Amino acid sequence: MTLIQVILIIFFLFASFKVLGRWRTGELSGGVVVMWLLFWIVATIVALIPDITFRVAHLVGIGRGADLVVYLSLAILFFMVFRLMVKVERINRDITKLTRQLALMQPDGKREINL
């Protein structure tokens, strides 16, 4: 086992424990925890058996395993950015609705809101 494999595996274990810690405190839902744990497990397998990316790449018609990892990473990152943008837009819409409702509830023009 090479030094980079050891470093990566230690990092992946650390990241997995952080995910579980966030789940215990209620910051992450069960579905998100499962997704992240699966990600870190796959990353660990790839770190332990780097040739697996080469084999999978050839199965899908890509020349190198590193190219497969880059393509998949970009696709996943773009999808995550899209989901985040949708959530931000939804939050902005909700804030606008709440602001309008609060403005209508205060007919005296009072600008202070006690939360």
PDB file of N, CA and C in Angstrom:
ATOM      1  N   MET A   1       0.856  -1.179   0.000  1.00  0.00           N
ATOM      2  CA  MET A   1       0.000   0.000   0.000  1.00  0.00           C
ATOM      3  C   MET A   1       0.900   1.239   0.000  1.00  0.00           C
ATOM      4  N   THR A   2       0.551   2.192  -0.856  1.00  0.00           N
ATOM      5  CA  THR A   2       1.367   3.401  -0.981  1.00  0.00           C
ATOM      6  C   THR A   2       0.956   4.428   0.074  1.00  0.00           C
ATOM      7  N   LEU A   3       1.794   5.435   0.220  1.00  0.00           N
ATOM      8  CA  LEU A   3       1.532   6.479   1.210  1.00  0.00           C
ATOM      9  C   LEU A   3       0.238   7.229   0.889  1.00  0.00           C
ATOM     10  N   ILE A   4       0.012   7.527  -0.397  1.00  0.00           N
ATOM     11  CA  ILE A   4      -1.197   8.266  -0.764  1.00  0.00           C
ATOM     12  C   ILE A   4      -2.448   7.445  -0.458  1.00  0.00           C
ATOM     13  N   GLN A   5      -2.383   6.143  -0.624  1.00  0.00           N
ATOM     14  CA  GLN A   5      -3.526   5.291  -0.272  1.00  0.00           C
ATOM     15  C   GLN A   5      -3.822   5.374   1.213  1.00  0.00           C
ATOM     16  N   VAL A   6      -2.797   5.329   2.032  1.00  0.00           N
ATOM     17  CA  VAL A   6      -2.978   5.419   3.488  1.00  0.00           C
ATOM     18  C   VAL A   6      -3.582   6.769   3.858  1.00  0.00           C
ATOM     19  N   ILE A   7      -3.047   7.847   3.278  1.00  0.00           N
ATOM     20  CA  ILE A   7      -3.560   9.189   3.577  1.00  0.00           C
ATOM     21  C   ILE A   7      -5.016   9.314   3.156  1.00  0.00           C
ATOM     22  N   LEU A   8      -5.333   8.835   1.950  1.00  0.00           N
ATOM     23  CA  LEU A   8      -6.716   8.923   1.466  1.00  0.00           C
ATOM     24  C   LEU A   8      -7.676   8.119   2.331  1.00  0.00           C
ATOM     25  N   ILE A   9      -7.286   6.934   2.702  1.00  0.00           N
ATOM     26  CA  ILE A   9      -8.166   6.085   3.520  1.00  0.00           C
ATOM     27  C   ILE A   9      -8.397   6.729   4.887  1.00  0.00           C
ATOM     28  N   ILE A  10      -7.364   7.288   5.475  1.00  0.00           N
ATOM     29  CA  ILE A  10      -7.530   7.985   6.759  1.00  0.00           C
ATOM     30  C   ILE A  10      -8.488   9.161   6.588  1.00  0.00           C
ATOM     31  N   PHE A  11      -8.312   9.924   5.505  1.00  0.00           N
ATOM     32  CA  PHE A  11      -9.210  11.049   5.255  1.00  0.00           C
ATOM     33  C   PHE A  11     -10.653  10.575   5.045  1.00  0.00           C
ATOM     34  N   PHE A  12     -10.846   9.495   4.279  1.00  0.00           N
ATOM     35  CA  PHE A  12     -12.190   8.991   4.022  1.00  0.00           C
ATOM     36  C   PHE A  12     -12.852   8.503   5.312  1.00  0.00           C
ATOM     37  N   LEU A  13     -12.086   7.874   6.177  1.00  0.00           N
ATOM     38  CA  LEU A  13     -12.626   7.457   7.481  1.00  0.00           C
ATOM     39  C   LEU A  13     -13.011   8.670   8.313  1.00  0.00           C
ATOM     40  N   PHE A  14     -12.138   9.680   8.337  1.00  0.00           N
ATOM     41  CA  PHE A  14     -12.433  10.917   9.056  1.00  0.00           C
ATOM     42  C   PHE A  14     -13.718  11.547   8.529  1.00  0.00           C
ATOM     43  N   ALA A  15     -13.850  11.638   7.202  1.00  0.00           N
ATOM     44  CA  ALA A  15     -15.039  12.231   6.598  1.00  0.00           C
ATOM     45  C   ALA A  15     -16.288  11.428   6.952  1.00  0.00           C
ATOM     46  N   SER A  16     -16.182  10.113   6.964  1.00  0.00           N
ATOM     47  CA  SER A  16     -17.325   9.265   7.319  1.00  0.00           C
ATOM     48  C   SER A  16     -17.757   9.511   8.759  1.00  0.00           C
ATOM     49  N   PHE A  17     -16.785   9.628   9.659  1.00  0.00           N
ATOM     50  CA  PHE A  17     -17.125   9.899  11.057  1.00  0.00           C
ATOM     51  C   PHE A  17     -17.755  11.281  11.217  1.00  0.00           C
ATOM     52  N   LYS A  18     -17.298  12.250  10.444  1.00  0.00           N
ATOM     53  CA  LYS A  18     -17.916  13.583  10.488  1.00  0.00           C
ATOM     54  C   LYS A  18     -19.370  13.520  10.018  1.00  0.00           C
ATOM     55  N   VAL A  19     -19.631  12.754   8.961  1.00  0.00           N
ATOM     56  CA  VAL A  19     -21.004  12.591   8.460  1.00  0.00           C
ATOM     57  C   VAL A  19     -21.873  11.960   9.543  1.00  0.00           C
ATOM     58  N   LEU A  20     -21.377  10.907  10.170  1.00  0.00           N
ATOM     59  CA  LEU A  20     -22.151  10.253  11.231  1.00  0.00           C
ATOM     60  C   LEU A  20     -22.372  11.196  12.411  1.00  0.00           C
ATOM     61  N   GLY A  21     -21.379  12.001  12.732  1.00  0.00           N
ATOM     62  CA  GLY A  21     -21.534  12.975  13.819  1.00  0.00           C
ATOM     63  C   GLY A  21     -22.606  14.007  13.497  1.00  0.00           C
ATOM     64  N   ARG A  22     -22.650  14.478  12.255  1.00  0.00           N
ATOM     65  CA  ARG A  22     -23.683  15.445  11.847  1.00  0.00           C
ATOM     66  C   ARG A  22     -25.068  14.805  11.874  1.00  0.00           C
ATOM     67  N   TRP A  23     -25.120  13.508  11.589  1.00  0.00           N
ATOM     68  CA  TRP A  23     -26.406  12.797  11.637  1.00  0.00           C
ATOM     69  C   TRP A  23     -26.882  12.669  13.085  1.00  0.00           C
ATOM     70  N   ARG A  24     -25.957  12.366  13.988  1.00  0.00           N
ATOM     71  CA  ARG A  24     -26.323  12.231  15.408  1.00  0.00           C
ATOM     72  C   ARG A  24     -26.840  13.542  15.990  1.00  0.00           C
ATOM     73  N   THR A  25     -26.299  14.673  15.526  1.00  0.00           N
ATOM     74  CA  THR A  25     -26.749  15.964  16.042  1.00  0.00           C
ATOM     75  C   THR A  25     -28.006  16.457  15.323  1.00  0.00           C
ATOM     76  N   GLY A  26     -28.454  15.716  14.326  1.00  0.00           N
ATOM     77  CA  GLY A  26     -29.675  16.088  13.613  1.00  0.00           C
ATOM     78  C   GLY A  26     -29.463  17.059  12.470  1.00  0.00           C
ATOM     79  N   GLU A  27     -28.216  17.331  12.123  1.00  0.00           N
ATOM     80  CA  GLU A  27     -27.931  18.267  11.033  1.00  0.00           C
ATOM     81  C   GLU A  27     -28.135  17.646   9.657  1.00  0.00           C
ATOM     82  N   LEU A  28     -28.048  16.314   9.564  1.00  0.00           N
ATOM     83  CA  LEU A  28     -28.237  15.622   8.295  1.00  0.00           C
ATOM     84  C   LEU A  28     -29.342  14.583   8.426  1.00  0.00           C
ATOM     85  N   SER A  29     -30.123  14.433   7.368  1.00  0.00           N
ATOM     86  CA  SER A  29     -31.178  13.422   7.360  1.00  0.00           C
ATOM     87  C   SER A  29     -30.582  12.059   7.009  1.00  0.00           C
ATOM     88  N   GLY A  30     -31.361  11.027   7.223  1.00  0.00           N
ATOM     89  CA  GLY A  30     -30.892   9.664   6.969  1.00  0.00           C
ATOM     90  C   GLY A  30     -30.507   9.430   5.524  1.00  0.00           C
ATOM     91  N   GLY A  31     -31.295   9.960   4.593  1.00  0.00           N
ATOM     92  CA  GLY A  31     -31.002   9.774   3.180  1.00  0.00           C
ATOM     93  C   GLY A  31     -29.693  10.406   2.766  1.00  0.00           C
ATOM     94  N   VAL A  32     -29.423  11.593   3.286  1.00  0.00           N
ATOM     95  CA  VAL A  32     -28.176  12.294   2.971  1.00  0.00           C
ATOM     96  C   VAL A  32     -26.991  11.534   3.568  1.00  0.00           C
ATOM     97  N   VAL A  33     -27.169  11.003   4.760  1.00  0.00           N
ATOM     98  CA  VAL A  33     -26.100  10.238   5.405  1.00  0.00           C
ATOM     99  C   VAL A  33     -25.767   8.999   4.589  1.00  0.00           C
ATOM    100  N   VAL A  34     -26.796   8.302   4.131  1.00  0.00           N
ATOM    101  CA  VAL A  34     -26.566   7.092   3.327  1.00  0.00           C
ATOM    102  C   VAL A  34     -25.819   7.453   2.047  1.00  0.00           C
ATOM    103  N   MET A  35     -26.234   8.548   1.383  1.00  0.00           N
ATOM    104  CA  MET A  35     -25.568   8.968   0.150  1.00  0.00           C
ATOM    105  C   MET A  35     -24.084   9.260   0.395  1.00  0.00           C
ATOM    106  N   TRP A  36     -23.788  10.028   1.454  1.00  0.00           N
ATOM    107  CA  TRP A  36     -22.399  10.374   1.725  1.00  0.00           C
ATOM    108  C   TRP A  36     -21.579   9.164   2.158  1.00  0.00           C
ATOM    109  N   LEU A  37     -22.167   8.281   2.962  1.00  0.00           N
ATOM    110  CA  LEU A  37     -21.423   7.088   3.369  1.00  0.00           C
ATOM    111  C   LEU A  37     -21.124   6.194   2.171  1.00  0.00           C
ATOM    112  N   LEU A  38     -22.088   6.057   1.256  1.00  0.00           N
ATOM    113  CA  LEU A  38     -21.833   5.288   0.032  1.00  0.00           C
ATOM    114  C   LEU A  38     -20.712   5.929  -0.781  1.00  0.00           C
ATOM    115  N   PHE A  39     -20.731   7.246  -0.867  1.00  0.00           N
ATOM    116  CA  PHE A  39     -19.673   7.953  -1.588  1.00  0.00           C
ATOM    117  C   PHE A  39     -18.311   7.654  -0.983  1.00  0.00           C
ATOM    118  N   TRP A  40     -18.194   7.749   0.345  1.00  0.00           N
ATOM    119  CA  TRP A  40     -16.903   7.525   0.985  1.00  0.00           C
ATOM    120  C   TRP A  40     -16.475   6.068   0.898  1.00  0.00           C
ATOM    121  N   ILE A  41     -17.429   5.147   0.898  1.00  0.00           N
ATOM    122  CA  ILE A  41     -17.101   3.719   0.729  1.00  0.00           C
ATOM    123  C   ILE A  41     -16.546   3.476  -0.673  1.00  0.00           C
ATOM    124  N   VAL A  42     -17.220   4.034  -1.682  1.00  0.00           N
ATOM    125  CA  VAL A  42     -16.737   3.883  -3.062  1.00  0.00           C
ATOM    126  C   VAL A  42     -15.354   4.516  -3.204  1.00  0.00           C
ATOM    127  N   ALA A  43     -15.159   5.688  -2.608  1.00  0.00           N
ATOM    128  CA  ALA A  43     -13.856   6.343  -2.673  1.00  0.00           C
ATOM    129  C   ALA A  43     -12.775   5.482  -2.020  1.00  0.00           C
ATOM    130  N   THR A  44     -13.114   4.826  -0.922  1.00  0.00           N
ATOM    131  CA  THR A  44     -12.156   3.941  -0.255  1.00  0.00           C
ATOM    132  C   THR A  44     -11.816   2.746  -1.136  1.00  0.00           C
ATOM    133  N   ILE A  45     -12.831   2.167  -1.772  1.00  0.00           N
ATOM    134  CA  ILE A  45     -12.594   1.027  -2.673  1.00  0.00           C
ATOM    135  C   ILE A  45     -11.682   1.450  -3.826  1.00  0.00           C
ATOM    136  N   VAL A  46     -11.940   2.624  -4.385  1.00  0.00           N
ATOM    137  CA  VAL A  46     -11.102   3.120  -5.491  1.00  0.00           C
ATOM    138  C   VAL A  46      -9.674   3.374  -5.001  1.00  0.00           C
ATOM    139  N   ALA A  47      -9.520   3.872  -3.778  1.00  0.00           N
ATOM    140  CA  ALA A  47      -8.179   4.104  -3.241  1.00  0.00           C
ATOM    141  C   ALA A  47      -7.440   2.785  -3.001  1.00  0.00           C
ATOM    142  N   LEU A  48      -8.172   1.770  -2.554  1.00  0.00           N
ATOM    143  CA  LEU A  48      -7.552   0.473  -2.292  1.00  0.00           C
ATOM    144  C   LEU A  48      -7.265  -0.303  -3.573  1.00  0.00           C
ATOM    145  N   ILE A  49      -8.188  -0.200  -4.548  1.00  0.00           N
ATOM    146  CA  ILE A  49      -8.056  -0.946  -5.804  1.00  0.00           C
ATOM    147  C   ILE A  49      -8.143   0.043  -6.962  1.00  0.00           C
ATOM    148  N   PRO A  50      -7.082   0.790  -7.239  1.00  0.00           N
ATOM    149  CA  PRO A  50      -7.148   1.826  -8.273  1.00  0.00           C
ATOM    150  C   PRO A  50      -7.440   1.289  -9.671  1.00  0.00           C
ATOM    151  N   ASP A  51      -7.094   0.032  -9.946  1.00  0.00           N
ATOM    152  CA  ASP A  51      -7.343  -0.551 -11.269  1.00  0.00           C
ATOM    153  C   ASP A  51      -8.830  -0.694 -11.578  1.00  0.00           C
ATOM    154  N   ILE A  52      -9.661  -0.628 -10.557  1.00  0.00           N
ATOM    155  CA  ILE A  52     -11.093  -0.791 -10.785  1.00  0.00           C
ATOM    156  C   ILE A  52     -11.651   0.327 -11.666  1.00  0.00           C
ATOM    157  N   THR A  53     -11.098   1.530 -11.538  1.00  0.00           N
ATOM    158  CA  THR A  53     -11.566   2.623 -12.389  1.00  0.00           C
ATOM    159  C   THR A  53     -11.204   2.370 -13.846  1.00  0.00           C
ATOM    160  N   PHE A  54     -10.050   1.777 -14.073  1.00  0.00           N
ATOM    161  CA  PHE A  54      -9.622   1.440 -15.430  1.00  0.00           C
ATOM    162  C   PHE A  54     -10.574   0.428 -16.058  1.00  0.00           C
ATOM    163  N   ARG A  55     -10.933  -0.587 -15.286  1.00  0.00           N
ATOM    164  CA  ARG A  55     -11.846  -1.630 -15.794  1.00  0.00           C
ATOM    165  C   ARG A  55     -13.228  -1.059 -16.107  1.00  0.00           C
ATOM    166  N   VAL A  56     -13.757  -0.267 -15.179  1.00  0.00           N
ATOM    167  CA  VAL A  56     -15.078   0.334 -15.380  1.00  0.00           C
ATOM    168  C   VAL A  56     -15.041   1.307 -16.554  1.00  0.00           C
ATOM    169  N   ALA A  57     -13.961   2.064 -16.677  1.00  0.00           N
ATOM    170  CA  ALA A  57     -13.828   3.013 -17.787  1.00  0.00           C
ATOM    171  C   ALA A  57     -13.877   2.286 -19.123  1.00  0.00           C
ATOM    172  N   HIS A  58     -13.194   1.170 -19.218  1.00  0.00           N
ATOM    173  CA  HIS A  58     -13.210   0.420 -20.472  1.00  0.00           C
ATOM    174  C   HIS A  58     -14.589  -0.178 -20.747  1.00  0.00           C
ATOM    175  N   LEU A  59     -15.324  -0.535 -19.714  1.00  0.00           N
ATOM    176  CA  LEU A  59     -16.673  -1.058 -19.914  1.00  0.00           C
ATOM    177  C   LEU A  59     -17.607  -0.015 -20.528  1.00  0.00           C
ATOM    178  N   VAL A  60     -17.414   1.256 -20.166  1.00  0.00           N
ATOM    179  CA  VAL A  60     -18.297   2.311 -20.677  1.00  0.00           C
ATOM    180  C   VAL A  60     -17.694   3.062 -21.861  1.00  0.00           C
ATOM    181  N   GLY A  61     -16.518   2.632 -22.328  1.00  0.00           N
ATOM    182  CA  GLY A  61     -15.940   3.214 -23.525  1.00  0.00           C
ATOM    183  C   GLY A  61     -15.041   4.417 -23.304  1.00  0.00           C
ATOM    184  N   ILE A  62     -14.484   4.536 -22.122  1.00  0.00           N
ATOM    185  CA  ILE A  62     -13.559   5.629 -21.818  1.00  0.00           C
ATOM    186  C   ILE A  62     -12.158   5.027 -21.715  1.00  0.00           C
ATOM    187  N   GLY A  63     -11.170   5.758 -22.205  1.00  0.00           N
ATOM    188  CA  GLY A  63      -9.812   5.219 -22.291  1.00  0.00           C
ATOM    189  C   GLY A  63      -9.101   5.021 -20.966  1.00  0.00           C
ATOM    190  N   ARG A  64      -9.226   5.969 -20.049  1.00  0.00           N
ATOM    191  CA  ARG A  64      -8.476   5.886 -18.792  1.00  0.00           C
ATOM    192  C   ARG A  64      -9.414   5.980 -17.594  1.00  0.00           C
ATOM    193  N   GLY A  65      -9.016   5.348 -16.504  1.00  0.00           N
ATOM    194  CA  GLY A  65      -9.811   5.387 -15.284  1.00  0.00           C
ATOM    195  C   GLY A  65      -9.882   6.781 -14.690  1.00  0.00           C
ATOM    196  N   ALA A  66      -8.789   7.533 -14.818  1.00  0.00           N
ATOM    197  CA  ALA A  66      -8.778   8.895 -14.283  1.00  0.00           C
ATOM    198  C   ALA A  66      -9.785   9.771 -15.023  1.00  0.00           C
ATOM    199  N   ASP A  67      -9.919   9.557 -16.342  1.00  0.00           N
ATOM    200  CA  ASP A  67     -10.912  10.309 -17.109  1.00  0.00           C
ATOM    201  C   ASP A  67     -12.326   9.993 -16.628  1.00  0.00           C
ATOM    202  N   LEU A  68     -12.588   8.732 -16.344  1.00  0.00           N
ATOM    203  CA  LEU A  68     -13.904   8.338 -15.825  1.00  0.00           C
ATOM    204  C   LEU A  68     -14.201   9.060 -14.522  1.00  0.00           C
ATOM    205  N   VAL A  69     -13.229   9.111 -13.631  1.00  0.00           N
ATOM    206  CA  VAL A  69     -13.423   9.775 -12.338  1.00  0.00           C
ATOM    207  C   VAL A  69     -13.704  11.260 -12.546  1.00  0.00           C
ATOM    208  N   VAL A  70     -12.965  11.894 -13.449  1.00  0.00           N
ATOM    209  CA  VAL A  70     -13.170  13.319 -13.714  1.00  0.00           C
ATOM    210  C   VAL A  70     -14.568  13.553 -14.294  1.00  0.00           C
ATOM    211  N   TYR A  71     -14.974  12.754 -15.280  1.00  0.00           N
ATOM    212  CA  TYR A  71     -16.291  12.920 -15.902  1.00  0.00           C
ATOM    213  C   TYR A  71     -17.410  12.739 -14.882  1.00  0.00           C
ATOM    214  N   LEU A  72     -17.313  11.682 -14.093  1.00  0.00           N
ATOM    215  CA  LEU A  72     -18.354  11.439 -13.083  1.00  0.00           C
ATOM    216  C   LEU A  72     -18.371  12.547 -12.030  1.00  0.00           C
ATOM    217  N   SER A  73     -17.193  12.989 -11.620  1.00  0.00           N
ATOM    218  CA  SER A  73     -17.122  14.050 -10.615  1.00  0.00           C
ATOM    219  C   SER A  73     -17.762  15.333 -11.128  1.00  0.00           C
ATOM    220  N   LEU A  74     -17.455  15.694 -12.362  1.00  0.00           N
ATOM    221  CA  LEU A  74     -18.052  16.907 -12.933  1.00  0.00           C
ATOM    222  C   LEU A  74     -19.562  16.784 -13.044  1.00  0.00           C
ATOM    223  N   ALA A  75     -20.041  15.636 -13.491  1.00  0.00           N
ATOM    224  CA  ALA A  75     -21.486  15.440 -13.620  1.00  0.00           C
ATOM    225  C   ALA A  75     -22.169  15.558 -12.259  1.00  0.00           C
ATOM    226  N   ILE A  76     -21.600  14.939 -11.253  1.00  0.00           N
ATOM    227  CA  ILE A  76     -22.185  14.977  -9.910  1.00  0.00           C
ATOM    228  C   ILE A  76     -22.134  16.395  -9.348  1.00  0.00           C
ATOM    229  N   LEU A  77     -21.015  17.079  -9.530  1.00  0.00           N
ATOM    230  CA  LEU A  77     -20.898  18.450  -9.028  1.00  0.00           C
ATOM    231  C   LEU A  77     -21.893  19.390  -9.701  1.00  0.00           C
ATOM    232  N   PHE A  78     -22.041  19.281 -11.019  1.00  0.00           N
ATOM    233  CA  PHE A  78     -23.013  20.124 -11.715  1.00  0.00           C
ATOM    234  C   PHE A  78     -24.437  19.838 -11.243  1.00  0.00           C
ATOM    235  N   PHE A  79     -24.746  18.568 -11.007  1.00  0.00           N
ATOM    236  CA  PHE A  79     -26.080  18.222 -10.503  1.00  0.00           C
ATOM    237  C   PHE A  79     -26.292  18.801  -9.109  1.00  0.00           C
ATOM    238  N   MET A  80     -25.266  18.730  -8.257  1.00  0.00           N
ATOM    239  CA  MET A  80     -25.391  19.283  -6.911  1.00  0.00           C
ATOM    240  C   MET A  80     -25.546  20.799  -6.951  1.00  0.00           C
ATOM    241  N   VAL A  81     -24.824  21.472  -7.843  1.00  0.00           N
ATOM    242  CA  VAL A  81     -24.976  22.919  -7.987  1.00  0.00           C
ATOM    243  C   VAL A  81     -26.390  23.252  -8.438  1.00  0.00           C
ATOM    244  N   PHE A  82     -26.927  22.477  -9.386  1.00  0.00           N
ATOM    245  CA  PHE A  82     -28.296  22.684  -9.839  1.00  0.00           C
ATOM    246  C   PHE A  82     -29.279  22.550  -8.682  1.00  0.00           C
ATOM    247  N   ARG A  83     -29.135  21.482  -7.894  1.00  0.00           N
ATOM    248  CA  ARG A  83     -30.039  21.291  -6.750  1.00  0.00           C
ATOM    249  C   ARG A  83     -29.930  22.428  -5.749  1.00  0.00           C
ATOM    250  N   LEU A  84     -28.722  22.889  -5.487  1.00  0.00           N
ATOM    251  CA  LEU A  84     -28.545  24.007  -4.565  1.00  0.00           C
ATOM    252  C   LEU A  84     -29.190  25.277  -5.102  1.00  0.00           C
ATOM    253  N   MET A  85     -29.055  25.517  -6.394  1.00  0.00           N
ATOM    254  CA  MET A  85     -29.674  26.703  -6.979  1.00  0.00           C
ATOM    255  C   MET A  85     -31.195  26.648  -6.866  1.00  0.00           C
ATOM    256  N   VAL A  86     -31.771  25.471  -7.079  1.00  0.00           N
ATOM    257  CA  VAL A  86     -33.222  25.310  -6.938  1.00  0.00           C
ATOM    258  C   VAL A  86     -33.638  25.591  -5.500  1.00  0.00           C
ATOM    259  N   LYS A  87     -32.882  25.082  -4.537  1.00  0.00           N
ATOM    260  CA  LYS A  87     -33.210  25.320  -3.132  1.00  0.00           C
ATOM    261  C   LYS A  87     -33.080  26.793  -2.764  1.00  0.00           C
ATOM    262  N   VAL A  88     -32.036  27.452  -3.259  1.00  0.00           N
ATOM    263  CA  VAL A  88     -31.851  28.876  -2.974  1.00  0.00           C
ATOM    264  C   VAL A  88     -33.009  29.677  -3.563  1.00  0.00           C
ATOM    265  N   GLU A  89     -33.414  29.357  -4.778  1.00  0.00           N
ATOM    266  CA  GLU A  89     -34.555  30.050  -5.393  1.00  0.00           C
ATOM    267  C   GLU A  89     -35.822  29.837  -4.572  1.00  0.00           C
ATOM    268  N   ARG A  90     -36.040  28.627  -4.087  1.00  0.00           N
ATOM    269  CA  ARG A  90     -37.215  28.332  -3.267  1.00  0.00           C
ATOM    270  C   ARG A  90     -37.173  29.131  -1.967  1.00  0.00           C
ATOM    271  N   ILE A  91     -36.006  29.201  -1.354  1.00  0.00           N
ATOM    272  CA  ILE A  91     -35.860  29.967  -0.112  1.00  0.00           C
ATOM    273  C   ILE A  91     -36.107  31.447  -0.374  1.00  0.00           C
ATOM    274  N   ASN A  92     -35.562  31.967  -1.484  1.00  0.00           N
ATOM    275  CA  ASN A  92     -35.807  33.373  -1.834  1.00  0.00           C
ATOM    276  C   ASN A  92     -37.291  33.648  -2.021  1.00  0.00           C
ATOM    277  N   ARG A  93     -37.988  32.740  -2.692  1.00  0.00           N
ATOM    278  CA  ARG A  93     -39.428  32.900  -2.888  1.00  0.00           C
ATOM    279  C   ARG A  93     -40.165  32.889  -1.555  1.00  0.00           C
ATOM    280  N   ASP A  94     -39.777  31.970  -0.665  1.00  0.00           N
ATOM    281  CA  ASP A  94     -40.419  31.893   0.647  1.00  0.00           C
ATOM    282  C   ASP A  94     -40.155  33.151   1.476  1.00  0.00           C
ATOM    283  N   ILE A  95     -38.937  33.662   1.415  1.00  0.00           N
ATOM    284  CA  ILE A  95     -38.616  34.891   2.151  1.00  0.00           C
ATOM    285  C   ILE A  95     -39.436  36.058   1.618  1.00  0.00           C
ATOM    286  N   THR A  96     -39.584  36.137   0.309  1.00  0.00           N
ATOM    287  CA  THR A  96     -40.388  37.207  -0.288  1.00  0.00           C
ATOM    288  C   THR A  96     -41.839  37.110   0.173  1.00  0.00           C
ATOM    289  N   LYS A  97     -42.391  35.898   0.175  1.00  0.00           N
ATOM    290  CA  LYS A  97     -43.776  35.711   0.638  1.00  0.00           C
ATOM    291  C   LYS A  97     -43.927  36.116   2.100  1.00  0.00           C
ATOM    292  N   LEU A  98     -42.991  35.679   2.925  1.00  0.00           N
ATOM    293  CA  LEU A  98     -43.056  36.019   4.350  1.00  0.00           C
ATOM    294  C   LEU A  98     -42.928  37.522   4.573  1.00  0.00           C
ATOM    295  N   THR A  99     -42.044  38.155   3.826  1.00  0.00           N
ATOM    296  CA  THR A  99     -41.864  39.604   3.955  1.00  0.00           C
ATOM    297  C   THR A  99     -43.146  40.335   3.578  1.00  0.00           C
ATOM    298  N   ARG A 100     -43.783  39.904   2.524  1.00  0.00           N
ATOM    299  CA  ARG A 100     -45.042  40.537   2.111  1.00  0.00           C
ATOM    300  C   ARG A 100     -46.126  40.325   3.158  1.00  0.00           C
ATOM    301  N   GLN A 101     -46.205  39.124   3.699  1.00  0.00           N
ATOM    302  CA  GLN A 101     -47.213  38.852   4.725  1.00  0.00           C
ATOM    303  C   GLN A 101     -46.964  39.697   5.968  1.00  0.00           C
ATOM    304  N   LEU A 102     -45.709  39.816   6.379  1.00  0.00           N
ATOM    305  CA  LEU A 102     -45.394  40.645   7.545  1.00  0.00           C
ATOM    306  C   LEU A 102     -45.714  42.111   7.285  1.00  0.00           C
ATOM    307  N   ALA A 103     -45.448  42.570   6.086  1.00  0.00           N
ATOM    308  CA  ALA A 103     -45.741  43.971   5.751  1.00  0.00           C
ATOM    309  C   ALA A 103     -47.247  44.228   5.802  1.00  0.00           C
ATOM    310  N   LEU A 104     -48.034  43.270   5.370  1.00  0.00           N
ATOM    311  CA  LEU A 104     -49.487  43.432   5.397  1.00  0.00           C
ATOM    312  C   LEU A 104     -50.044  43.342   6.811  1.00  0.00           C
ATOM    313  N   MET A 105     -49.340  42.642   7.697  1.00  0.00           N
ATOM    314  CA  MET A 105     -49.802  42.491   9.075  1.00  0.00           C
ATOM    315  C   MET A 105     -49.512  43.724   9.913  1.00  0.00           C
ATOM    316  N   GLN A 106     -48.674  44.644   9.434  1.00  0.00           N
ATOM    317  CA  GLN A 106     -48.297  45.823  10.203  1.00  0.00           C
ATOM    318  C   GLN A 106     -48.797  47.080   9.488  1.00  0.00           C
ATOM    319  N   PRO A 107     -50.073  47.396   9.679  1.00  0.00           N
ATOM    320  CA  PRO A 107     -50.646  48.531   8.951  1.00  0.00           C
ATOM    321  C   PRO A 107     -50.129  49.894   9.417  1.00  0.00           C
ATOM    322  N   ASP A 108     -49.540  49.973  10.598  1.00  0.00           N
ATOM    323  CA  ASP A 108     -49.076  51.263  11.110  1.00  0.00           C
ATOM    324  C   ASP A 108     -47.735  51.703  10.522  1.00  0.00           C
ATOM    325  N   GLY A 109     -47.162  50.902   9.621  1.00  0.00           N
ATOM    326  CA  GLY A 109     -45.913  51.261   8.986  1.00  0.00           C
ATOM    327  C   GLY A 109     -44.691  50.979   9.850  1.00  0.00           C
ATOM    328  N   LYS A 110     -44.895  50.317  10.976  1.00  0.00           N
ATOM    329  CA  LYS A 110     -43.804  50.003  11.881  1.00  0.00           C
ATOM    330  C   LYS A 110     -42.827  49.036  11.189  1.00  0.00           C
ATOM    331  N   ARG A 111     -41.564  49.359  11.198  1.00  0.00           N
ATOM    332  CA  ARG A 111     -40.568  48.551  10.470  1.00  0.00           C
ATOM    333  C   ARG A 111     -39.874  47.519  11.356  1.00  0.00           C
ATOM    334  N   GLU A 112     -39.960  47.643  12.640  1.00  0.00           N
ATOM    335  CA  GLU A 112     -39.298  46.705  13.514  1.00  0.00           C
ATOM    336  C   GLU A 112     -40.090  45.415  13.625  1.00  0.00           C
ATOM    337  N   ILE A 113     -39.397  44.315  13.582  1.00  0.00           N
ATOM    338  CA  ILE A 113     -40.038  43.012  13.716  1.00  0.00           C
ATOM    339  C   ILE A 113     -39.400  42.321  14.906  1.00  0.00           C
ATOM    340  N   ASN A 114     -40.201  41.934  15.854  1.00  0.00           N
ATOM    341  CA  ASN A 114     -39.697  41.203  17.015  1.00  0.00           C
ATOM    342  C   ASN A 114     -39.854  39.722  16.759  1.00  0.00           C
ATOM    343  N   LEU A 115     -38.748  39.045  16.666  1.00  0.00           N
ATOM    344  CA  LEU A 115     -38.790  37.606  16.419  1.00  0.00           C
ATOM    345  C   LEU A 115     -38.544  36.840  17.676  1.00  0.00           C
TER     346      LEU A 115
END
